[in-house]
């Protein structure tokens, strides 16, 4: 009898979870899942942006290395038949006379290469075997030609680096497309003689040699992420003999 009374009192104190408590617990768990989903979404976006920034840094470095490493390559010359050589001052000469043939970095002086539009017709996810060759591989063309061909392929096609296009409508209702994702390459010629296309500064009268400063700029994520690199692309010594 005593044992039965004890069981009754024990059961009276072992109450279950109420409906209200269940709803509160469910709401707390739901809020936790929403936070987790938001973190996953943010992490995915951060990975994509980080990946694009990494590729952007690689491409900028690649272009700079090509301009520096092939600074002696001649533009529009067949390396097998050309008579143009570099003299001791690093100038292109032919039969002892300074040639008008340009070296690779000189080709971008006053001739900026700029991509300021997305490749709307580009297929983003081609098979590797279907991707176009990024080298021309023409044995009768110089390294400057092949490097320029590769550079234009990589910068102009969105396969290698994403391009964000913004679509809008003007006052007349016509659709407009714009982007802040810009890719550009330019070389500045610095010396003290403006007559030969130099960027002249009156404070640098002591500069007689020709220095070529390259600039590579790539903007991604609709211009919010930007990488700009300045570097010395080439250097031509001044011939103090007067010739």
C-alpha atoms as a PDB file:
ATOM      1  CA  UNK A   1       0.000   0.000   0.000  1.00  0.00           C
ATOM      2  CA  UNK A   2       2.823   2.386   0.897  1.00  0.00           C
ATOM      3  CA  UNK A   3       4.532   1.504  -2.322  1.00  0.00           C
ATOM      4  CA  UNK A   4       1.412   2.383  -4.332  1.00  0.00           C
ATOM      5  CA  UNK A   5       1.070   5.786  -2.638  1.00  0.00           C
ATOM      6  CA  UNK A   6       4.729   6.569  -3.367  1.00  0.00           C
ATOM      7  CA  UNK A   7       4.231   5.771  -7.065  1.00  0.00           C
ATOM      8  CA  UNK A   8       1.204   8.080  -7.236  1.00  0.00           C
ATOM      9  CA  UNK A   9       3.098  10.998  -5.708  1.00  0.00           C
ATOM     10  CA  UNK A  10       6.131  10.270  -7.911  1.00  0.00           C
ATOM     11  CA  UNK A  11       4.068  10.310 -11.085  1.00  0.00           C
ATOM     12  CA  UNK A  12       2.418  13.599 -10.082  1.00  0.00           C
ATOM     13  CA  UNK A  13       5.825  15.315 -10.136  1.00  0.00           C
ATOM     14  CA  UNK A  14       7.006  13.811 -13.481  1.00  0.00           C
ATOM     15  CA  UNK A  15       5.186  16.191 -15.827  1.00  0.00           C
ATOM     16  CA  UNK A  16       5.720  16.145 -19.624  1.00  0.00           C
ATOM     17  CA  UNK A  17       6.723  19.029 -21.937  1.00  0.00           C
ATOM     18  CA  UNK A  18       3.906  21.415 -22.663  1.00  0.00           C
ATOM     19  CA  UNK A  19       2.877  22.470 -26.180  1.00  0.00           C
ATOM     20  CA  UNK A  20       4.133  26.012 -25.561  1.00  0.00           C
ATOM     21  CA  UNK A  21       7.578  24.755 -24.566  1.00  0.00           C
ATOM     22  CA  UNK A  22       7.691  22.613 -27.686  1.00  0.00           C
ATOM     23  CA  UNK A  23       6.882  25.600 -29.884  1.00  0.00           C
ATOM     24  CA  UNK A  24       9.568  27.729 -28.226  1.00  0.00           C
ATOM     25  CA  UNK A  25      12.149  24.964 -28.631  1.00  0.00           C
ATOM     26  CA  UNK A  26      11.163  24.508 -32.296  1.00  0.00           C
ATOM     27  CA  UNK A  27      11.492  28.280 -32.920  1.00  0.00           C
ATOM     28  CA  UNK A  28      14.965  28.357 -31.347  1.00  0.00           C
ATOM     29  CA  UNK A  29      16.113  25.397 -33.441  1.00  0.00           C
ATOM     30  CA  UNK A  30      14.625  27.012 -36.583  1.00  0.00           C
ATOM     31  CA  UNK A  31      16.464  30.278 -35.933  1.00  0.00           C
ATOM     32  CA  UNK A  32      19.653  28.287 -35.542  1.00  0.00           C
ATOM     33  CA  UNK A  33      19.132  26.551 -38.904  1.00  0.00           C
ATOM     34  CA  UNK A  34      18.439  29.891 -40.636  1.00  0.00           C
ATOM     35  CA  UNK A  35      21.690  31.281 -39.222  1.00  0.00           C
ATOM     36  CA  UNK A  36      23.576  28.191 -40.417  1.00  0.00           C
ATOM     37  CA  UNK A  37      22.117  28.523 -43.939  1.00  0.00           C
ATOM     38  CA  UNK A  38      23.090  32.192 -44.040  1.00  0.00           C
ATOM     39  CA  UNK A  39      26.630  31.336 -42.958  1.00  0.00           C
ATOM     40  CA  UNK A  40      26.853  28.647 -45.657  1.00  0.00           C
ATOM     41  CA  UNK A  41      25.600  31.097 -48.312  1.00  0.00           C
ATOM     42  CA  UNK A  42      28.047  33.781 -47.181  1.00  0.00           C
ATOM     43  CA  UNK A  43      30.886  31.250 -47.127  1.00  0.00           C
ATOM     44  CA  UNK A  44      30.074  30.160 -50.689  1.00  0.00           C
ATOM     45  CA  UNK A  45      30.086  33.758 -51.905  1.00  0.00           C
ATOM     46  CA  UNK A  46      33.337  34.452 -50.064  1.00  0.00           C
ATOM     47  CA  UNK A  47      34.961  31.409 -51.667  1.00  0.00           C
ATOM     48  CA  UNK A  48      33.869  32.580 -55.132  1.00  0.00           C
ATOM     49  CA  UNK A  49      35.193  36.111 -54.546  1.00  0.00           C
ATOM     50  CA  UNK A  50      38.430  34.763 -53.085  1.00  0.00           C
ATOM     51  CA  UNK A  51      38.855  32.454 -56.070  1.00  0.00           C
ATOM     52  CA  UNK A  52      38.382  35.329 -58.509  1.00  0.00           C
ATOM     53  CA  UNK A  53      40.849  37.510 -56.587  1.00  0.00           C
ATOM     54  CA  UNK A  54      43.414  34.701 -56.627  1.00  0.00           C
ATOM     55  CA  UNK A  55      43.026  34.272 -60.389  1.00  0.00           C
ATOM     56  CA  UNK A  56      43.184  38.043 -60.812  1.00  0.00           C
ATOM     57  CA  UNK A  57      46.508  38.175 -58.941  1.00  0.00           C
ATOM     58  CA  UNK A  58      47.891  35.297 -61.020  1.00  0.00           C
ATOM     59  CA  UNK A  59      46.874  36.911 -64.316  1.00  0.00           C
ATOM     60  CA  UNK A  60      48.318  40.316 -63.370  1.00  0.00           C
ATOM     61  CA  UNK A  61      51.604  38.675 -62.378  1.00  0.00           C
ATOM     62  CA  UNK A  62      51.624  36.579 -65.554  1.00  0.00           C
ATOM     63  CA  UNK A  63      51.248  39.639 -67.804  1.00  0.00           C
ATOM     64  CA  UNK A  64      53.985  41.497 -65.926  1.00  0.00           C
ATOM     65  CA  UNK A  65      56.333  38.509 -66.128  1.00  0.00           C
ATOM     66  CA  UNK A  66      55.705  38.186 -69.879  1.00  0.00           C
ATOM     67  CA  UNK A  67      56.487  41.860 -70.505  1.00  0.00           C
ATOM     68  CA  UNK A  68      59.655  41.667 -68.413  1.00  0.00           C
ATOM     69  CA  UNK A  69      60.815  38.240 -69.560  1.00  0.00           C
ATOM     70  CA  UNK A  70      60.290  38.939 -73.277  1.00  0.00           C
ATOM     71  CA  UNK A  71      61.281  42.609 -73.303  1.00  0.00           C
ATOM     72  CA  UNK A  72      63.871  41.884 -76.022  1.00  0.00           C
ATOM     73  CA  UNK A  73      61.390  40.171 -78.332  1.00  0.00           C
ATOM     74  CA  UNK A  74      60.641  42.131 -81.521  1.00  0.00           C
ATOM     75  CA  UNK A  75      57.100  42.876 -82.652  1.00  0.00           C
ATOM     76  CA  UNK A  76      55.913  41.739 -86.115  1.00  0.00           C
ATOM     77  CA  UNK A  77      59.271  40.146 -86.954  1.00  0.00           C
ATOM     78  CA  UNK A  78      59.985  36.602 -88.114  1.00  0.00           C
ATOM     79  CA  UNK A  79      62.707  35.388 -85.728  1.00  0.00           C
ATOM     80  CA  UNK A  80      64.084  33.109 -88.468  1.00  0.00           C
ATOM     81  CA  UNK A  81      64.636  35.785 -91.092  1.00  0.00           C
ATOM     82  CA  UNK A  82      64.808  39.148 -89.324  1.00  0.00           C
ATOM     83  CA  UNK A  83      67.926  41.244 -89.707  1.00  0.00           C
ATOM     84  CA  UNK A  84      67.095  43.412 -86.720  1.00  0.00           C
ATOM     85  CA  UNK A  85      69.302  42.881 -83.691  1.00  0.00           C
ATOM     86  CA  UNK A  86      69.742  44.577 -80.339  1.00  0.00           C
ATOM     87  CA  UNK A  87      72.873  46.653 -79.849  1.00  0.00           C
ATOM     88  CA  UNK A  88      74.782  47.188 -76.620  1.00  0.00           C
ATOM     89  CA  UNK A  89      72.285  49.862 -75.593  1.00  0.00           C
ATOM     90  CA  UNK A  90      69.353  47.395 -75.963  1.00  0.00           C
ATOM     91  CA  UNK A  91      68.055  49.260 -79.034  1.00  0.00           C
ATOM     92  CA  UNK A  92      66.726  47.494 -82.174  1.00  0.00           C
ATOM     93  CA  UNK A  93      69.173  48.155 -85.005  1.00  0.00           C
ATOM     94  CA  UNK A  94      69.495  46.917 -88.575  1.00  0.00           C
ATOM     95  CA  UNK A  95      72.828  47.146 -90.357  1.00  0.00           C
ATOM     96  CA  UNK A  96      74.074  49.548 -87.698  1.00  0.00           C
ATOM     97  CA  UNK A  97      71.079  51.902 -88.051  1.00  0.00           C
ATOM     98  CA  UNK A  98      68.420  52.283 -85.341  1.00  0.00           C
ATOM     99  CA  UNK A  99      65.327  50.435 -86.531  1.00  0.00           C
ATOM    100  CA  UNK A 100      61.682  51.465 -86.197  1.00  0.00           C
ATOM    101  CA  UNK A 101      60.836  47.925 -85.109  1.00  0.00           C
ATOM    102  CA  UNK A 102      59.405  47.911 -81.603  1.00  0.00           C
ATOM    103  CA  UNK A 103      60.327  45.712 -78.700  1.00  0.00           C
ATOM    104  CA  UNK A 104      57.501  43.935 -76.894  1.00  0.00           C
ATOM    105  CA  UNK A 105      56.927  46.512 -74.080  1.00  0.00           C
ATOM    106  CA  UNK A 106      57.229  49.415 -76.543  1.00  0.00           C
ATOM    107  CA  UNK A 107      54.184  48.118 -78.385  1.00  0.00           C
ATOM    108  CA  UNK A 108      51.966  49.271 -75.487  1.00  0.00           C
ATOM    109  CA  UNK A 109      53.358  52.826 -75.249  1.00  0.00           C
ATOM    110  CA  UNK A 110      50.456  55.121 -76.147  1.00  0.00           C
ATOM    111  CA  UNK A 111      48.596  51.989 -77.239  1.00  0.00           C
ATOM    112  CA  UNK A 112      46.674  50.820 -74.180  1.00  0.00           C
ATOM    113  CA  UNK A 113      45.066  47.404 -74.424  1.00  0.00           C
ATOM    114  CA  UNK A 114      41.732  47.633 -72.604  1.00  0.00           C
ATOM    115  CA  UNK A 115      38.737  45.340 -72.162  1.00  0.00           C
ATOM    116  CA  UNK A 116      35.727  47.138 -70.659  1.00  0.00           C
ATOM    117  CA  UNK A 117      32.856  44.852 -71.699  1.00  0.00           C
ATOM    118  CA  UNK A 118      31.765  41.340 -70.843  1.00  0.00           C
ATOM    119  CA  UNK A 119      31.848  38.557 -73.416  1.00  0.00           C
ATOM    120  CA  UNK A 120      28.089  37.988 -73.574  1.00  0.00           C
ATOM    121  CA  UNK A 121      28.335  35.252 -76.205  1.00  0.00           C
ATOM    122  CA  UNK A 122      30.945  33.266 -74.334  1.00  0.00           C
ATOM    123  CA  UNK A 123      30.107  29.779 -73.086  1.00  0.00           C
ATOM    124  CA  UNK A 124      31.168  29.733 -69.458  1.00  0.00           C
ATOM    125  CA  UNK A 125      31.479  25.989 -68.938  1.00  0.00           C
ATOM    126  CA  UNK A 126      33.070  24.362 -71.944  1.00  0.00           C
ATOM    127  CA  UNK A 127      34.802  21.024 -71.762  1.00  0.00           C
ATOM    128  CA  UNK A 128      38.552  21.288 -71.471  1.00  0.00           C
ATOM    129  CA  UNK A 129      38.951  19.690 -74.904  1.00  0.00           C
ATOM    130  CA  UNK A 130      36.644  22.346 -76.415  1.00  0.00           C
ATOM    131  CA  UNK A 131      38.464  25.347 -74.968  1.00  0.00           C
ATOM    132  CA  UNK A 132      40.301  27.382 -77.609  1.00  0.00           C
ATOM    133  CA  UNK A 133      44.068  27.360 -77.737  1.00  0.00           C
ATOM    134  CA  UNK A 134      45.601  30.320 -75.939  1.00  0.00           C
ATOM    135  CA  UNK A 135      48.792  30.163 -78.028  1.00  0.00           C
ATOM    136  CA  UNK A 136      49.055  30.861 -81.730  1.00  0.00           C
ATOM    137  CA  UNK A 137      52.137  28.588 -81.912  1.00  0.00           C
ATOM    138  CA  UNK A 138      53.230  30.005 -85.262  1.00  0.00           C
ATOM    139  CA  UNK A 139      56.959  29.248 -85.691  1.00  0.00           C
ATOM    140  CA  UNK A 140      57.302  32.224 -88.036  1.00  0.00           C
ATOM    141  CA  UNK A 141      56.030  34.659 -85.400  1.00  0.00           C
ATOM    142  CA  UNK A 142      58.055  36.109 -82.554  1.00  0.00           C
ATOM    143  CA  UNK A 143      57.537  35.454 -78.869  1.00  0.00           C
ATOM    144  CA  UNK A 144      55.984  38.930 -78.637  1.00  0.00           C
ATOM    145  CA  UNK A 145      53.235  37.836 -81.029  1.00  0.00           C
ATOM    146  CA  UNK A 146      52.521  34.571 -79.202  1.00  0.00           C
ATOM    147  CA  UNK A 147      52.512  36.248 -75.788  1.00  0.00           C
ATOM    148  CA  UNK A 148      50.161  38.979 -77.026  1.00  0.00           C
ATOM    149  CA  UNK A 149      47.876  36.333 -78.533  1.00  0.00           C
ATOM    150  CA  UNK A 150      47.709  34.478 -75.205  1.00  0.00           C
ATOM    151  CA  UNK A 151      47.200  37.669 -73.220  1.00  0.00           C
ATOM    152  CA  UNK A 152      44.278  38.751 -75.416  1.00  0.00           C
ATOM    153  CA  UNK A 153      42.668  35.325 -75.146  1.00  0.00           C
ATOM    154  CA  UNK A 154      42.853  35.280 -71.354  1.00  0.00           C
ATOM    155  CA  UNK A 155      41.728  38.878 -70.819  1.00  0.00           C
ATOM    156  CA  UNK A 156      39.003  39.075 -73.467  1.00  0.00           C
ATOM    157  CA  UNK A 157      37.204  35.798 -72.679  1.00  0.00           C
ATOM    158  CA  UNK A 158      35.207  35.287 -69.480  1.00  0.00           C
ATOM    159  CA  UNK A 159      36.238  31.636 -69.251  1.00  0.00           C
ATOM    160  CA  UNK A 160      39.281  32.581 -67.226  1.00  0.00           C
ATOM    161  CA  UNK A 161      37.927  35.443 -65.123  1.00  0.00           C
ATOM    162  CA  UNK A 162      34.276  36.227 -64.408  1.00  0.00           C
ATOM    163  CA  UNK A 163      32.815  39.452 -65.751  1.00  0.00           C
ATOM    164  CA  UNK A 164      29.788  41.066 -64.059  1.00  0.00           C
ATOM    165  CA  UNK A 165      27.375  42.783 -66.434  1.00  0.00           C
ATOM    166  CA  UNK A 166      24.798  45.260 -65.123  1.00  0.00           C
ATOM    167  CA  UNK A 167      21.624  45.683 -67.147  1.00  0.00           C
ATOM    168  CA  UNK A 168      19.562  48.861 -66.864  1.00  0.00           C
ATOM    169  CA  UNK A 169      16.999  50.888 -68.798  1.00  0.00           C
ATOM    170  CA  UNK A 170      17.422  54.487 -69.980  1.00  0.00           C
ATOM    171  CA  UNK A 171      14.777  57.207 -70.071  1.00  0.00           C
ATOM    172  CA  UNK A 172      13.469  56.027 -73.443  1.00  0.00           C
ATOM    173  CA  UNK A 173      13.062  52.463 -72.226  1.00  0.00           C
ATOM    174  CA  UNK A 174      16.018  51.066 -74.145  1.00  0.00           C
ATOM    175  CA  UNK A 175      18.102  48.467 -72.366  1.00  0.00           C
ATOM    176  CA  UNK A 176      21.637  49.382 -71.359  1.00  0.00           C
ATOM    177  CA  UNK A 177      24.529  47.158 -70.390  1.00  0.00           C
ATOM    178  CA  UNK A 178      27.524  48.345 -68.418  1.00  0.00           C
ATOM    179  CA  UNK A 179      30.312  46.894 -66.354  1.00  0.00           C
ATOM    180  CA  UNK A 180      33.012  48.137 -64.025  1.00  0.00           C
ATOM    181  CA  UNK A 181      35.091  44.995 -64.644  1.00  0.00           C
ATOM    182  CA  UNK A 182      38.019  46.474 -66.568  1.00  0.00           C
ATOM    183  CA  UNK A 183      41.209  44.785 -67.767  1.00  0.00           C
ATOM    184  CA  UNK A 184      43.935  47.021 -69.143  1.00  0.00           C
ATOM    185  CA  UNK A 185      47.637  47.011 -70.001  1.00  0.00           C
ATOM    186  CA  UNK A 186      49.704  50.108 -70.731  1.00  0.00           C
ATOM    187  CA  UNK A 187      53.384  51.052 -70.770  1.00  0.00           C
ATOM    188  CA  UNK A 188      54.738  54.532 -70.067  1.00  0.00           C
ATOM    189  CA  UNK A 189      57.987  55.733 -71.614  1.00  0.00           C
ATOM    190  CA  UNK A 190      59.933  57.974 -69.226  1.00  0.00           C
ATOM    191  CA  UNK A 191      62.882  60.115 -70.308  1.00  0.00           C
ATOM    192  CA  UNK A 192      63.647  63.807 -70.815  1.00  0.00           C
ATOM    193  CA  UNK A 193      62.914  64.178 -74.517  1.00  0.00           C
ATOM    194  CA  UNK A 194      59.255  64.667 -75.423  1.00  0.00           C
ATOM    195  CA  UNK A 195      60.117  64.622 -79.141  1.00  0.00           C
ATOM    196  CA  UNK A 196      60.583  60.838 -79.009  1.00  0.00           C
ATOM    197  CA  UNK A 197      57.335  60.139 -77.192  1.00  0.00           C
ATOM    198  CA  UNK A 198      58.595  60.376 -73.622  1.00  0.00           C
ATOM    199  CA  UNK A 199      56.557  61.308 -70.622  1.00  0.00           C
ATOM    200  CA  UNK A 200      58.536  64.403 -69.622  1.00  0.00           C
ATOM    201  CA  UNK A 201      58.848  65.817 -66.107  1.00  0.00           C
ATOM    202  CA  UNK A 202      60.832  69.011 -65.535  1.00  0.00           C
ATOM    203  CA  UNK A 203      62.016  67.678 -62.188  1.00  0.00           C
ATOM    204  CA  UNK A 204      63.756  64.725 -63.831  1.00  0.00           C
ATOM    205  CA  UNK A 205      66.219  66.497 -66.117  1.00  0.00           C
ATOM    206  CA  UNK A 206      68.930  64.097 -65.003  1.00  0.00           C
ATOM    207  CA  UNK A 207      67.133  61.170 -66.657  1.00  0.00           C
ATOM    208  CA  UNK A 208      68.726  60.542 -70.037  1.00  0.00           C
ATOM    209  CA  UNK A 209      68.056  56.825 -70.415  1.00  0.00           C
ATOM    210  CA  UNK A 210      64.680  55.452 -71.489  1.00  0.00           C
ATOM    211  CA  UNK A 211      62.718  53.693 -68.762  1.00  0.00           C
ATOM    212  CA  UNK A 212      59.536  51.793 -69.573  1.00  0.00           C
ATOM    213  CA  UNK A 213      57.059  51.457 -66.716  1.00  0.00           C
ATOM    214  CA  UNK A 214      54.270  48.950 -67.231  1.00  0.00           C
ATOM    215  CA  UNK A 215      50.871  49.041 -65.583  1.00  0.00           C
ATOM    216  CA  UNK A 216      48.455  46.122 -65.442  1.00  0.00           C
ATOM    217  CA  UNK A 217      45.016  46.647 -63.932  1.00  0.00           C
ATOM    218  CA  UNK A 218      42.166  44.179 -63.480  1.00  0.00           C
ATOM    219  CA  UNK A 219      38.868  44.912 -61.734  1.00  0.00           C
ATOM    220  CA  UNK A 220      36.369  42.201 -60.788  1.00  0.00           C
ATOM    221  CA  UNK A 221      33.150  41.855 -58.803  1.00  0.00           C
ATOM    222  CA  UNK A 222      31.722  44.798 -60.768  1.00  0.00           C
ATOM    223  CA  UNK A 223      34.715  46.952 -59.929  1.00  0.00           C
ATOM    224  CA  UNK A 224      34.661  46.360 -56.182  1.00  0.00           C
ATOM    225  CA  UNK A 225      37.835  44.282 -56.249  1.00  0.00           C
ATOM    226  CA  UNK A 226      40.820  45.752 -58.085  1.00  0.00           C
ATOM    227  CA  UNK A 227      44.425  44.746 -58.611  1.00  0.00           C
ATOM    228  CA  UNK A 228      46.927  47.221 -60.092  1.00  0.00           C
ATOM    229  CA  UNK A 229      50.598  46.456 -60.607  1.00  0.00           C
ATOM    230  CA  UNK A 230      53.337  48.879 -61.712  1.00  0.00           C
ATOM    231  CA  UNK A 231      56.710  47.495 -62.747  1.00  0.00           C
ATOM    232  CA  UNK A 232      59.772  48.267 -64.849  1.00  0.00           C
ATOM    233  CA  UNK A 233      59.155  46.554 -68.153  1.00  0.00           C
ATOM    234  CA  UNK A 234      62.293  47.618 -70.029  1.00  0.00           C
ATOM    235  CA  UNK A 235      65.313  49.929 -69.961  1.00  0.00           C
ATOM    236  CA  UNK A 236      67.278  51.386 -72.874  1.00  0.00           C
ATOM    237  CA  UNK A 237      70.609  53.061 -72.203  1.00  0.00           C
ATOM    238  CA  UNK A 238      71.386  56.435 -73.671  1.00  0.00           C
ATOM    239  CA  UNK A 239      74.062  56.516 -76.354  1.00  0.00           C
ATOM    240  CA  UNK A 240      76.282  59.306 -75.055  1.00  0.00           C
ATOM    241  CA  UNK A 241      78.450  59.169 -78.156  1.00  0.00           C
ATOM    242  CA  UNK A 242      75.882  61.342 -79.888  1.00  0.00           C
ATOM    243  CA  UNK A 243      74.652  58.793 -82.422  1.00  0.00           C
END
